[in-house]
Amino acid sequence: MTQKTVTLLRDSAAARWTALLLLAFAMFCSYIFMDILSPVKDLMQSTRGWDSTAFGTMQGSETFLNVFIFFLIFAGIILDKMGVRFTAVLSGLVMLAGALVKWYAVSEAFQGSDLEIWFTNNLNYIPGFDELGISPFYREMPASAKLASVGFMVFGCGVEMAGITVSRGIVKWFKGREMALAMGSEMALARLGVATCMIFSPFIARADIFDGASVSHSVAFGVILLMIALIMFIVYFFMDKKLDAQTGEAEEKDDPFKIRDLGKILSSSGFWLVALLCVLYYSAIFPFQKYAVNMLQCNLTFTAPDKASFWASNSVIIIQYIIMLVVAAAAFASNFSKKKLKITLLAVSVLSLITFCFMGYMRQSAETIFAVFPLLAVGITPILGKYVDTKGKAASMLMIGSILLIVCHLTFAFVLPMFKGSPIGGVVIAYLTILVLGSSFSLVPASLWPSVPKLVDSKVIGSAYALIFWIQNIGLWLFPLLIGKILDASNPEIVSALKDGSMTPEVAATSYNYTNPLLMLALLGVAALILGFVLKAVDKKKKLGLELPNISEAH
């Protein structure tokens, strides 16, 4: 009598890739909302009175609860106790709740309301936090920025919870199969959310169908996307439940975060070096994203196309977005194709990228120029991941990433302003620098994250990642705030001109000198490079295996 083989849902390629698509699209939507106000900083200043300090404080608030209330640790415990599908739906609800608060904060309905008066008169002093200099609010902070910060804090809890849950879900569905490809695909789609945000957020904020420009329209767009993300998580809930019904097992769960694990982790010098590299590197990328569009507006000269021309129409935005998707899809697919098809796909991707850049130039739009940021990364992330798997050199790649980071920020600080009067030269420099910065961003996930299992015991790997994410969140809270404060401190003439009314908010928003904030970000790259040298020396001395291929580690 032969035993009947049970075919599980995850044995079907179509089913497991559908599960991945549900999770990845939810993260794509969350990435869009994360930066929904980044390309409209100028509008926030001109329509809501947010100066750079207010903008930076609000942007940094996303990770505040994760850092200081340790919600990131609680999220891991929730995931462990309740499982993937419950935590996925919960994270979707939390993100949506925070997004709705943020939308109301920047909406016209909030202006002049009793709640606005309350926020104006309160939360100007937070006992304990003010003394430590870590308060999420400050005196004279606009009421709308305070309430938006509260909403963004709640959203930040949800998005971090979603991040760890999606990773765990991918492991559940792809264990023993195309795990690396699945994780790379999820990361690629999520990063396209950044480009999508840069293209559509300003367009929606300034759309002709509304009565005047308003940032609330962009945030409302993000809220709708998060509703769709919640639906994706709910559909995934039922797929995942069906899988568990087939296996007859309870959900696979990670080991819980235990305080006693900290001793094992913190005693590893290699862990500390990687954790510090992580916080330095990500702090020079993610906070920069929130200011990048405004930096380009201040350093490049744009001449708006004629309103009757094709380049000012709504059609060009849709066409450019489709071309962007072709660039990303062709570049990503080329990594998994045979030689002839690979060359064809790369050619299509390069030609599409050139077309995309040309359209961005013709539209004379800072946000569409920065939208190229993730495109090169989408294409080369699988290449770099495969290289680390087969050849190694993770520590060396981290150092290369740091060097590229330094060069890019120094180029933005000193070279780009020299081309302010050049309509073509400045745009070319901006495109090249942004593409290189995006590619350097790929070096970190491809080399840093796979290195962590080599530094700590396998029993505490989950705790190690949770601790690294917590340390990373400290930088993601601090540096958006610092950039805003340095920007205002470096431009006292703009701050005083705004106060005495001799400069309009519209003019001020595109007149900042970004040299000092960019130098600070370049210094983060220098610190990361120094740590890279130290990490390589420690690796050589203690034989941690960071320079060895990952595949040789497999059993």
Protein backbone atom coordinates (compact mmCIF):
# COMPACT_ATOMS: atom_id res chain seq x y z
CA MET A 1 0.00 0.00 0.00
CA THR A 2 1.54 3.29 -1.09
CA GLN A 3 1.30 6.40 1.04
CA LYS A 4 -0.51 9.26 -0.64
CA THR A 5 1.61 12.38 -1.06
CA VAL A 6 -0.11 15.55 0.09
CA THR A 7 0.50 18.57 -2.13
CA LEU A 8 0.66 21.69 0.00
CA LEU A 9 -0.42 25.13 -1.14
CA ARG A 10 3.17 26.40 -1.01
CA ASP A 11 4.24 23.56 -3.33
CA SER A 12 2.39 25.43 -6.08
CA ALA A 13 4.64 28.11 -7.61
CA ALA A 14 1.57 30.18 -8.51
CA ALA A 15 0.26 30.06 -4.92
CA ARG A 16 3.49 30.96 -3.15
CA TRP A 17 4.28 33.77 -5.60
CA THR A 18 0.73 35.06 -5.13
CA ALA A 19 1.38 35.11 -1.38
CA LEU A 20 4.62 37.00 -2.02
CA LEU A 21 2.86 39.49 -4.28
CA LEU A 22 0.26 40.21 -1.59
CA LEU A 23 2.97 40.87 1.01
CA ALA A 24 5.24 42.81 -1.36
CA PHE A 25 2.46 45.05 -2.66
CA ALA A 26 1.46 45.88 0.92
CA MET A 27 5.06 46.98 1.60
CA PHE A 28 5.11 48.90 -1.69
CA CYS A 29 2.11 50.92 -0.45
CA SER A 30 3.71 51.52 2.94
CA TYR A 31 6.94 52.80 1.33
CA ILE A 32 4.88 55.29 -0.68
CA PHE A 33 3.23 56.66 2.45
CA MET A 34 6.54 56.74 4.32
CA ASP A 35 7.85 59.45 1.97
CA ILE A 36 4.53 60.94 0.87
CA LEU A 37 5.48 64.47 2.06
CA SER A 38 9.15 64.33 1.04
CA PRO A 39 8.68 65.68 -2.51
CA VAL A 40 6.30 68.45 -1.34
CA LYS A 41 8.43 70.03 1.43
CA ASP A 42 8.14 73.37 -0.39
CA LEU A 43 4.33 73.15 -0.27
CA MET A 44 4.41 72.28 3.44
CA GLN A 45 6.33 75.51 4.04
CA SER A 46 4.20 77.71 1.80
CA THR A 47 0.75 76.34 2.74
CA ARG A 48 1.17 75.10 6.33
CA GLY A 49 4.02 77.25 7.64
CA TRP A 50 6.36 74.35 8.40
CA ASP A 51 9.99 75.49 8.45
CA SER A 52 12.81 72.98 8.04
CA THR A 53 12.94 72.26 11.78
CA ALA A 54 9.22 71.44 11.88
CA PHE A 55 9.51 69.31 8.74
CA GLY A 56 12.53 67.43 10.09
CA THR A 57 10.95 66.89 13.51
CA MET A 58 7.83 65.43 11.90
CA GLN A 59 9.83 63.18 9.55
CA GLY A 60 11.96 61.86 12.41
CA SER A 61 8.88 61.10 14.52
CA GLU A 62 8.18 57.95 12.46
CA THR A 63 10.62 55.90 14.54
CA PHE A 64 10.16 57.71 17.88
CA LEU A 65 7.96 55.09 19.59
CA ASN A 66 10.07 52.25 18.16
CA VAL A 67 13.20 53.76 19.73
CA PHE A 68 12.10 55.27 23.04
CA ILE A 69 9.03 53.18 23.92
CA PHE A 70 10.73 50.02 22.54
CA PHE A 71 7.75 49.19 20.35
CA LEU A 72 10.06 47.42 17.90
CA ILE A 73 10.79 44.83 20.60
CA PHE A 74 7.08 44.51 21.43
CA ALA A 75 6.34 43.97 17.73
CA GLY A 76 8.72 41.01 17.73
CA ILE A 77 6.99 39.58 20.81
CA ILE A 78 3.55 40.03 19.18
CA LEU A 79 4.81 38.24 16.06
CA ASP A 80 6.15 35.39 18.17
CA LYS A 81 3.01 34.99 20.29
CA MET A 82 0.33 35.61 17.67
CA GLY A 83 1.94 34.43 14.42
CA VAL A 84 2.39 35.88 10.94
CA ARG A 85 -1.16 36.37 9.70
CA PHE A 86 -2.54 38.04 12.85
CA THR A 87 0.46 40.38 13.04
CA ALA A 88 0.20 41.20 9.32
CA VAL A 89 -3.43 42.34 9.66
CA LEU A 90 -2.66 44.18 12.91
CA SER A 91 0.25 46.04 11.28
CA GLY A 92 -2.03 47.03 8.39
CA LEU A 93 -4.61 48.43 10.82
CA VAL A 94 -1.97 50.34 12.83
CA MET A 95 -0.45 51.85 9.67
CA LEU A 96 -3.88 52.93 8.45
CA ALA A 97 -4.84 54.45 11.83
CA GLY A 98 -1.64 56.51 11.93
CA ALA A 99 -2.07 57.58 8.30
CA LEU A 100 -5.61 58.83 8.95
CA VAL A 101 -4.37 60.98 11.83
CA LYS A 102 -1.60 62.43 9.66
CA TRP A 103 -4.07 63.13 6.84
CA TYR A 104 -6.40 65.01 9.18
CA ALA A 105 -3.45 67.01 10.54
CA VAL A 106 -2.54 68.44 7.12
CA SER A 107 -6.13 68.78 5.89
CA GLU A 108 -8.13 72.01 5.66
CA ALA A 109 -10.57 70.61 8.23
CA PHE A 110 -7.90 70.81 10.95
CA GLN A 111 -7.16 74.47 10.23
CA GLY A 112 -8.96 76.69 12.76
CA SER A 113 -10.48 73.74 14.62
CA ASP A 114 -10.65 73.37 18.41
CA LEU A 115 -8.12 70.55 18.09
CA GLU A 116 -5.67 72.89 16.36
CA ILE A 117 -6.02 75.34 19.25
CA TRP A 118 -5.39 72.51 21.74
CA PHE A 119 -2.25 71.35 19.93
CA THR A 120 -1.02 74.94 19.70
CA ASN A 121 -1.33 75.41 23.46
CA ASN A 122 -0.17 71.95 24.54
CA LEU A 123 2.68 69.46 24.06
CA ASN A 124 5.17 72.31 24.20
CA TYR A 125 6.91 70.70 27.15
CA ILE A 126 7.22 66.95 27.74
CA PRO A 127 8.67 66.21 31.22
CA GLY A 128 11.78 64.06 31.05
CA PHE A 129 12.02 64.04 27.27
CA ASP A 130 12.69 67.79 27.14
CA GLU A 131 15.44 67.53 29.76
CA LEU A 132 17.08 64.74 27.74
CA GLY A 133 16.72 66.73 24.51
CA ILE A 134 14.70 64.00 22.77
CA SER A 135 11.20 65.49 22.85
CA PRO A 136 9.20 64.83 19.66
CA PHE A 137 7.74 68.35 19.91
CA TYR A 138 9.02 71.85 20.70
CA ARG A 139 7.69 75.31 21.53
CA GLU A 140 6.26 77.18 18.52
CA MET A 141 6.04 73.96 16.51
CA PRO A 142 2.99 74.32 14.20
CA ALA A 143 -0.06 72.47 15.56
CA SER A 144 -0.49 70.60 12.26
CA ALA A 145 3.11 69.36 12.49
CA LYS A 146 2.53 68.15 16.05
CA LEU A 147 -0.58 66.14 15.15
CA ALA A 148 1.09 64.87 11.95
CA SER A 149 4.00 63.68 14.12
CA VAL A 150 1.59 61.77 16.38
CA GLY A 151 0.06 60.08 13.34
CA PHE A 152 3.48 59.32 11.85
CA MET A 153 4.62 57.76 15.14
CA VAL A 154 1.66 55.37 15.04
CA PHE A 155 2.28 54.63 11.35
CA GLY A 156 5.96 53.96 12.15
CA CYS A 157 4.98 51.30 14.68
CA GLY A 158 2.82 49.60 12.05
CA VAL A 159 5.36 49.75 9.24
CA GLU A 160 8.17 48.28 11.37
CA MET A 161 5.82 45.52 12.52
CA ALA A 162 4.89 44.90 8.87
CA GLY A 163 8.55 44.72 7.86
CA ILE A 164 9.49 41.93 10.25
CA THR A 165 6.19 40.12 9.59
CA VAL A 166 6.64 40.15 5.80
CA SER A 167 10.16 38.74 6.15
CA ARG A 168 8.84 35.94 8.36
CA GLY A 169 5.99 35.26 5.93
CA ILE A 170 8.40 34.90 3.01
CA VAL A 171 10.47 32.41 5.01
CA LYS A 172 7.31 30.41 5.75
CA TRP A 173 6.25 30.15 2.10
CA PHE A 174 9.66 29.88 0.42
CA LYS A 175 11.76 27.85 2.84
CA GLY A 176 13.77 25.36 0.81
CA ARG A 177 12.77 27.07 -2.44
CA GLU A 178 13.56 30.39 -4.18
CA MET A 179 14.04 32.27 -0.89
CA ALA A 180 16.76 34.69 -2.04
CA LEU A 181 14.88 35.52 -5.24
CA ALA A 182 11.65 36.03 -3.27
CA MET A 183 13.29 38.39 -0.76
CA GLY A 184 15.06 40.27 -3.56
CA SER A 185 11.80 40.64 -5.45
CA GLU A 186 9.98 41.93 -2.38
CA MET A 187 12.75 44.48 -1.74
CA ALA A 188 12.75 45.59 -5.38
CA LEU A 189 8.99 46.17 -5.44
CA ALA A 190 9.06 47.99 -2.10
CA ARG A 191 11.81 50.34 -3.33
CA LEU A 192 9.78 51.19 -6.39
CA GLY A 193 7.38 52.74 -3.90
CA VAL A 194 9.93 55.53 -3.39
CA ALA A 195 9.98 56.37 -7.10
CA THR A 196 6.18 56.11 -7.28
CA CYS A 197 5.87 58.55 -4.41
CA MET A 198 8.28 61.04 -6.02
CA ILE A 199 6.31 61.00 -9.28
CA PHE A 200 2.71 61.01 -8.03
CA SER A 201 2.75 62.87 -4.69
CA PRO A 202 3.54 66.35 -6.18
CA PHE A 203 1.24 65.67 -9.15
CA ILE A 204 -1.72 64.87 -6.89
CA ALA A 205 -0.95 67.76 -4.52
CA ARG A 206 -1.04 70.23 -7.42
CA ALA A 207 -3.69 68.50 -9.58
CA ASP A 208 -5.97 70.85 -11.54
CA ILE A 209 -9.10 68.92 -10.54
CA PHE A 210 -8.78 70.36 -7.02
CA ASP A 211 -9.28 73.97 -5.94
CA GLY A 212 -5.65 74.95 -5.46
CA ALA A 213 -2.60 72.97 -4.38
CA SER A 214 -2.87 71.06 -1.11
CA VAL A 215 -0.64 68.47 0.50
CA SER A 216 -3.72 66.82 2.02
CA HIS A 217 -4.57 65.41 -1.42
CA SER A 218 -1.23 63.55 -1.52
CA VAL A 219 -1.67 62.19 1.99
CA ALA A 220 -5.23 61.10 1.15
CA PHE A 221 -3.77 59.18 -1.83
CA GLY A 222 -1.40 57.45 0.58
CA VAL A 223 -4.27 56.60 2.92
CA ILE A 224 -6.18 54.94 0.07
CA LEU A 225 -3.08 52.88 -0.78
CA LEU A 226 -2.80 51.75 2.85
CA MET A 227 -6.46 50.64 2.72
CA ILE A 228 -5.47 48.50 -0.27
CA ALA A 229 -2.46 47.23 1.69
CA LEU A 230 -4.78 46.16 4.52
CA ILE A 231 -6.94 44.28 2.00
CA MET A 232 -3.76 42.54 0.72
CA PHE A 233 -2.91 41.46 4.28
CA ILE A 234 -6.47 40.18 4.84
CA VAL A 235 -6.37 38.09 1.63
CA TYR A 236 -2.95 36.77 2.74
CA PHE A 237 -4.53 35.91 6.13
CA PHE A 238 -6.91 33.43 4.48
CA MET A 239 -4.21 31.97 2.20
CA ASP A 240 -1.92 31.44 5.17
CA LYS A 241 -4.74 29.91 7.21
CA LYS A 242 -5.47 27.45 4.39
CA LEU A 243 -1.79 26.44 4.31
CA ASP A 244 -1.78 25.73 8.05
CA ALA A 245 -5.00 23.74 7.68
CA GLN A 246 -3.22 21.55 5.12
CA THR A 247 -0.15 20.96 7.28
CA GLY A 248 -2.23 20.44 10.42
CA GLU A 249 0.36 22.42 12.36
CA ALA A 250 0.29 25.62 14.31
CA GLU A 251 2.01 28.61 12.74
CA GLU A 252 5.79 28.55 12.63
CA LYS A 253 7.03 31.14 15.09
CA ASP A 254 10.37 32.75 15.79
CA ASP A 255 12.14 32.39 19.10
CA PRO A 256 11.05 35.25 21.36
CA PHE A 257 13.35 38.15 22.13
CA LYS A 258 14.88 37.41 25.53
CA ILE A 259 16.72 39.94 27.65
CA ARG A 260 19.31 37.30 28.60
CA ASP A 261 20.20 36.98 24.91
CA LEU A 262 21.62 40.50 25.01
CA GLY A 263 24.76 39.39 26.83
CA LYS A 264 25.65 36.89 24.11
CA ILE A 265 25.07 39.46 21.38
CA LEU A 266 26.66 42.51 22.98
CA SER A 267 29.85 40.61 23.76
CA SER A 268 30.54 40.28 20.02
CA SER A 269 32.78 43.08 18.70
CA GLY A 270 31.86 42.06 15.16
CA PHE A 271 28.17 42.55 15.95
CA TRP A 272 28.79 46.06 17.28
CA LEU A 273 30.78 47.03 14.19
CA VAL A 274 28.05 45.77 11.86
CA ALA A 275 25.30 47.44 13.94
CA LEU A 276 27.14 50.79 13.92
CA LEU A 277 27.83 50.46 10.19
CA CYS A 278 24.13 49.87 9.69
CA VAL A 279 23.00 52.93 11.63
CA LEU A 280 25.62 55.19 9.99
CA TYR A 281 24.87 54.03 6.47
CA TYR A 282 21.08 54.03 6.67
CA SER A 283 21.13 57.40 8.46
CA ALA A 284 22.91 58.88 5.46
CA ILE A 285 20.32 57.46 3.03
CA PHE A 286 16.77 57.42 4.43
CA PRO A 287 16.80 60.88 6.08
CA PHE A 288 18.38 62.28 2.89
CA GLN A 289 15.45 60.89 0.86
CA LYS A 290 13.11 63.11 2.85
CA TYR A 291 15.02 66.26 1.82
CA ALA A 292 16.44 65.24 -1.57
CA VAL A 293 13.72 66.82 -3.71
CA ASN A 294 13.95 70.14 -1.88
CA MET A 295 17.75 70.00 -2.13
CA LEU A 296 17.44 69.66 -5.92
CA GLN A 297 14.92 72.51 -6.01
CA CYS A 298 17.42 74.71 -4.18
CA ASN A 299 20.47 73.72 -6.27
CA LEU A 300 19.03 73.49 -9.79
CA THR A 301 17.31 76.05 -11.99
CA PHE A 302 13.95 74.84 -13.26
CA THR A 303 11.79 76.50 -15.89
CA ALA A 304 8.24 75.19 -15.82
CA PRO A 305 7.03 73.94 -19.25
CA ASP A 306 4.18 75.75 -20.95
CA LYS A 307 0.87 74.64 -19.41
CA ALA A 308 -0.52 73.86 -22.87
CA SER A 309 2.42 71.61 -23.80
CA PHE A 310 2.61 67.81 -23.62
CA TRP A 311 5.30 68.06 -20.90
CA ALA A 312 2.87 69.79 -18.53
CA SER A 313 0.01 67.37 -19.20
CA ASN A 314 -1.26 64.54 -17.00
CA SER A 315 -0.54 62.03 -19.76
CA VAL A 316 3.24 62.48 -19.53
CA ILE A 317 3.18 61.44 -15.85
CA ILE A 318 1.45 58.15 -16.63
CA ILE A 319 3.75 57.47 -19.61
CA GLN A 320 6.86 58.22 -17.57
CA TYR A 321 5.69 55.93 -14.79
CA ILE A 322 5.09 53.07 -17.24
CA ILE A 323 8.60 53.60 -18.65
CA MET A 324 9.97 53.48 -15.08
CA LEU A 325 8.29 50.10 -14.55
CA VAL A 326 9.84 48.84 -17.82
CA VAL A 327 13.29 49.97 -16.61
CA ALA A 328 12.89 48.15 -13.29
CA ALA A 329 11.27 44.98 -14.69
CA ALA A 330 13.77 44.54 -17.54
CA ALA A 331 16.79 45.18 -15.30
CA PHE A 332 15.55 42.79 -12.61
CA ALA A 333 14.56 40.04 -15.07
CA SER A 334 17.94 40.24 -16.83
CA ASN A 335 19.57 38.71 -13.75
CA PHE A 336 17.68 35.46 -14.30
CA SER A 337 17.85 35.19 -18.10
CA LYS A 338 20.13 33.40 -20.55
CA LYS A 339 22.80 35.37 -22.40
CA LYS A 340 20.89 36.49 -25.52
CA LEU A 341 17.74 37.43 -23.63
CA LYS A 342 19.87 39.03 -20.90
CA ILE A 343 21.53 41.39 -23.41
CA THR A 344 18.15 42.26 -24.93
CA LEU A 345 16.61 43.00 -21.53
CA LEU A 346 19.58 45.12 -20.47
CA ALA A 347 19.38 47.09 -23.71
CA VAL A 348 15.65 47.67 -23.17
CA SER A 349 16.33 48.75 -19.59
CA VAL A 350 19.13 51.19 -20.51
CA LEU A 351 17.18 52.76 -23.39
CA SER A 352 14.10 53.06 -21.18
CA LEU A 353 16.20 54.65 -18.42
CA ILE A 354 17.59 57.24 -20.86
CA THR A 355 14.03 57.96 -22.04
CA PHE A 356 12.85 58.27 -18.43
CA CYS A 357 15.65 60.72 -17.62
CA PHE A 358 14.94 62.77 -20.75
CA MET A 359 11.27 63.03 -19.81
CA GLY A 360 12.22 64.09 -16.28
CA TYR A 361 14.42 66.85 -17.74
CA MET A 362 11.70 68.04 -20.11
CA ARG A 363 9.19 68.14 -17.25
CA GLN A 364 11.63 70.36 -15.27
CA SER A 365 10.67 68.60 -12.09
CA ALA A 366 12.97 67.91 -9.13
CA GLU A 367 10.81 65.05 -7.88
CA THR A 368 10.94 63.15 -11.20
CA ILE A 369 14.72 63.59 -11.28
CA PHE A 370 15.09 62.01 -7.84
CA ALA A 371 12.68 59.23 -8.87
CA VAL A 372 15.61 57.45 -10.60
CA PHE A 373 17.09 56.74 -7.14
CA PRO A 374 15.89 53.12 -6.78
CA LEU A 375 16.03 52.12 -10.46
CA LEU A 376 19.70 51.08 -10.70
CA ALA A 377 19.43 49.42 -7.30
CA VAL A 378 16.56 47.21 -8.50
CA GLY A 379 18.73 45.90 -11.34
CA ILE A 380 21.98 45.29 -9.46
CA THR A 381 20.77 44.07 -6.04
CA PRO A 382 20.42 40.43 -7.29
CA ILE A 383 23.90 40.65 -8.91
CA LEU A 384 25.49 41.84 -5.68
CA GLY A 385 23.62 39.27 -3.60
CA LYS A 386 24.77 36.48 -5.90
CA TYR A 387 28.36 37.78 -5.75
CA VAL A 388 28.39 37.72 -1.95
CA ASP A 389 26.85 34.21 -2.00
CA THR A 390 29.47 32.82 -4.39
CA LYS A 391 32.56 35.03 -3.97
CA GLY A 392 32.22 36.67 -0.56
CA LYS A 393 33.94 40.02 0.14
CA ALA A 394 31.04 41.37 2.25
CA ALA A 395 33.27 43.65 4.38
CA SER A 396 34.99 45.02 1.25
CA MET A 397 31.62 45.75 -0.37
CA LEU A 398 30.52 47.68 2.71
CA MET A 399 33.64 49.84 2.36
CA ILE A 400 32.95 50.44 -1.34
CA GLY A 401 29.40 51.45 -0.45
CA SER A 402 30.72 53.95 2.11
CA ILE A 403 33.14 55.48 -0.43
CA LEU A 404 30.35 55.93 -2.99
CA LEU A 405 28.17 57.47 -0.28
CA ILE A 406 30.87 60.04 0.59
CA VAL A 407 31.48 60.94 -3.06
CA CYS A 408 27.76 61.40 -3.77
CA HIS A 409 27.03 63.67 -0.80
CA LEU A 410 30.13 65.78 -1.49
CA THR A 411 29.05 66.08 -5.13
CA PHE A 412 25.63 67.31 -4.01
CA ALA A 413 27.29 69.74 -1.58
CA PHE A 414 29.96 71.31 -3.81
CA VAL A 415 29.66 70.27 -7.46
CA LEU A 416 25.91 70.51 -8.06
CA PRO A 417 25.60 74.17 -6.91
CA MET A 418 28.24 75.14 -9.49
CA PHE A 419 25.77 74.14 -12.23
CA LYS A 420 22.79 76.08 -10.85
CA GLY A 421 22.61 78.31 -13.92
CA SER A 422 23.18 75.44 -16.37
CA PRO A 423 19.84 73.95 -17.47
CA ILE A 424 21.39 70.73 -18.79
CA GLY A 425 24.68 70.30 -16.89
CA GLY A 426 23.09 70.42 -13.44
CA VAL A 427 20.42 67.87 -14.35
CA VAL A 428 23.03 65.48 -15.81
CA ILE A 429 25.19 65.74 -12.66
CA ALA A 430 22.09 65.20 -10.50
CA TYR A 431 20.96 62.11 -12.43
CA LEU A 432 24.41 60.47 -12.38
CA THR A 433 24.92 61.15 -8.67
CA ILE A 434 21.47 59.91 -7.70
CA LEU A 435 21.93 56.70 -9.71
CA VAL A 436 25.32 56.03 -8.07
CA LEU A 437 23.86 56.75 -4.61
CA GLY A 438 21.05 54.28 -5.33
CA SER A 439 23.55 51.63 -6.41
CA SER A 440 25.63 52.15 -3.26
CA PHE A 441 22.43 51.56 -1.28
CA SER A 442 22.27 48.07 -2.82
CA LEU A 443 25.66 47.14 -1.40
CA VAL A 444 24.41 47.23 2.18
CA PRO A 445 21.49 44.76 2.11
CA ALA A 446 23.50 42.48 -0.16
CA SER A 447 26.51 42.36 2.16
CA LEU A 448 25.51 43.50 5.66
CA TRP A 449 22.39 41.47 6.48
CA PRO A 450 23.82 38.08 5.39
CA SER A 451 26.88 38.79 7.59
CA VAL A 452 24.97 38.89 10.88
CA PRO A 453 24.55 35.07 11.18
CA LYS A 454 28.36 34.79 11.02
CA LEU A 455 28.78 37.06 14.05
CA VAL A 456 26.35 35.64 16.61
CA ASP A 457 25.12 32.24 17.72
CA SER A 458 22.28 30.87 15.60
CA LYS A 459 20.07 30.64 18.70
CA VAL A 460 20.09 34.42 19.15
CA ILE A 461 19.95 35.51 15.50
CA GLY A 462 16.39 36.83 15.85
CA SER A 463 17.35 38.88 18.89
CA ALA A 464 20.43 40.19 17.06
CA TYR A 465 18.35 41.45 14.14
CA ALA A 466 15.81 43.03 16.52
CA LEU A 467 18.64 44.87 18.28
CA ILE A 468 20.16 46.05 14.99
CA PHE A 469 16.77 47.34 13.83
CA TRP A 470 16.38 49.20 17.13
CA ILE A 471 19.84 50.79 16.80
CA GLN A 472 19.06 51.66 13.16
CA ASN A 473 15.82 53.36 14.23
CA ILE A 474 17.77 55.67 16.55
CA GLY A 475 19.55 57.10 13.51
CA LEU A 476 16.35 57.29 11.49
CA TRP A 477 14.78 59.33 14.30
CA LEU A 478 17.76 61.59 14.96
CA PHE A 479 19.06 62.59 11.54
CA PRO A 480 15.91 63.94 9.84
CA LEU A 481 15.62 66.17 12.91
CA LEU A 482 19.29 67.21 12.72
CA ILE A 483 19.12 67.98 9.00
CA GLY A 484 16.16 70.29 9.60
CA LYS A 485 17.85 72.09 12.51
CA ILE A 486 21.16 72.46 10.62
CA LEU A 487 19.31 73.71 7.55
CA ASP A 488 17.63 76.49 9.53
CA ALA A 489 20.82 77.30 11.48
CA SER A 490 22.81 77.50 8.20
CA ASN A 491 20.31 79.85 6.59
CA PRO A 492 19.63 82.50 9.28
CA GLU A 493 18.88 85.15 6.65
CA ILE A 494 15.98 83.05 5.32
CA VAL A 495 14.64 82.37 8.82
CA SER A 496 14.74 86.09 9.74
CA ALA A 497 13.32 87.16 6.34
CA LEU A 498 10.37 84.84 6.86
CA LYS A 499 9.73 86.28 10.32
CA ASP A 500 9.78 89.91 9.16
CA GLY A 501 7.80 89.14 6.01
CA SER A 502 10.46 90.32 3.56
CA MET A 503 10.54 86.88 1.91
CA THR A 504 7.53 84.78 0.98
CA PRO A 505 7.35 81.11 2.09
CA GLU A 506 7.24 80.08 -1.61
CA VAL A 507 10.59 81.80 -2.33
CA ALA A 508 12.15 80.64 0.95
CA ALA A 509 11.25 76.99 0.29
CA THR A 510 13.57 76.85 -2.74
CA SER A 511 16.36 79.16 -1.48
CA TYR A 512 18.13 77.07 1.16
CA ASN A 513 21.86 76.35 1.15
CA TYR A 514 22.17 72.60 1.77
CA THR A 515 25.98 72.47 2.08
CA ASN A 516 26.21 71.87 5.85
CA PRO A 517 23.53 69.12 6.08
CA LEU A 518 25.18 67.34 3.13
CA LEU A 519 28.60 67.60 4.80
CA MET A 520 27.11 65.99 7.91
CA LEU A 521 25.80 63.10 5.77
CA ALA A 522 29.20 62.77 4.07
CA LEU A 523 30.83 62.55 7.52
CA LEU A 524 28.53 59.65 8.33
CA GLY A 525 30.00 57.95 5.25
CA VAL A 526 33.53 58.70 6.48
CA ALA A 527 32.72 57.17 9.88
CA ALA A 528 31.22 54.13 8.13
CA LEU A 529 34.37 53.76 5.99
CA ILE A 530 36.62 53.87 9.07
CA LEU A 531 34.45 51.23 10.75
CA GLY A 532 34.68 49.19 7.55
CA PHE A 533 38.48 49.11 7.85
CA VAL A 534 38.19 48.12 11.51
CA LEU A 535 35.63 45.41 10.69
CA LYS A 536 37.91 43.98 8.01
CA ALA A 537 40.82 43.90 10.46
CA VAL A 538 38.69 42.21 13.15
CA ASP A 539 37.41 39.73 10.56
CA LYS A 540 40.98 38.84 9.57
CA LYS A 541 42.13 38.53 13.18
CA LYS A 542 39.17 36.56 14.55
CA LYS A 543 38.38 34.71 11.31
CA LEU A 544 34.70 35.69 11.38
CA GLY A 545 34.29 34.68 7.74
CA LEU A 546 32.85 37.98 6.48
CA GLU A 547 35.03 37.86 3.36
CA LEU A 548 34.11 34.23 2.65
CA PRO A 549 31.27 33.17 0.31
CA ASN A 550 27.89 32.53 1.93
CA ILE A 551 27.36 29.31 -0.02
CA SER A 552 30.35 27.67 1.66
CA GLU A 553 28.60 28.26 4.99
CA ALA A 554 25.63 26.14 3.94
CA HIS A 555 25.42 22.53 5.02
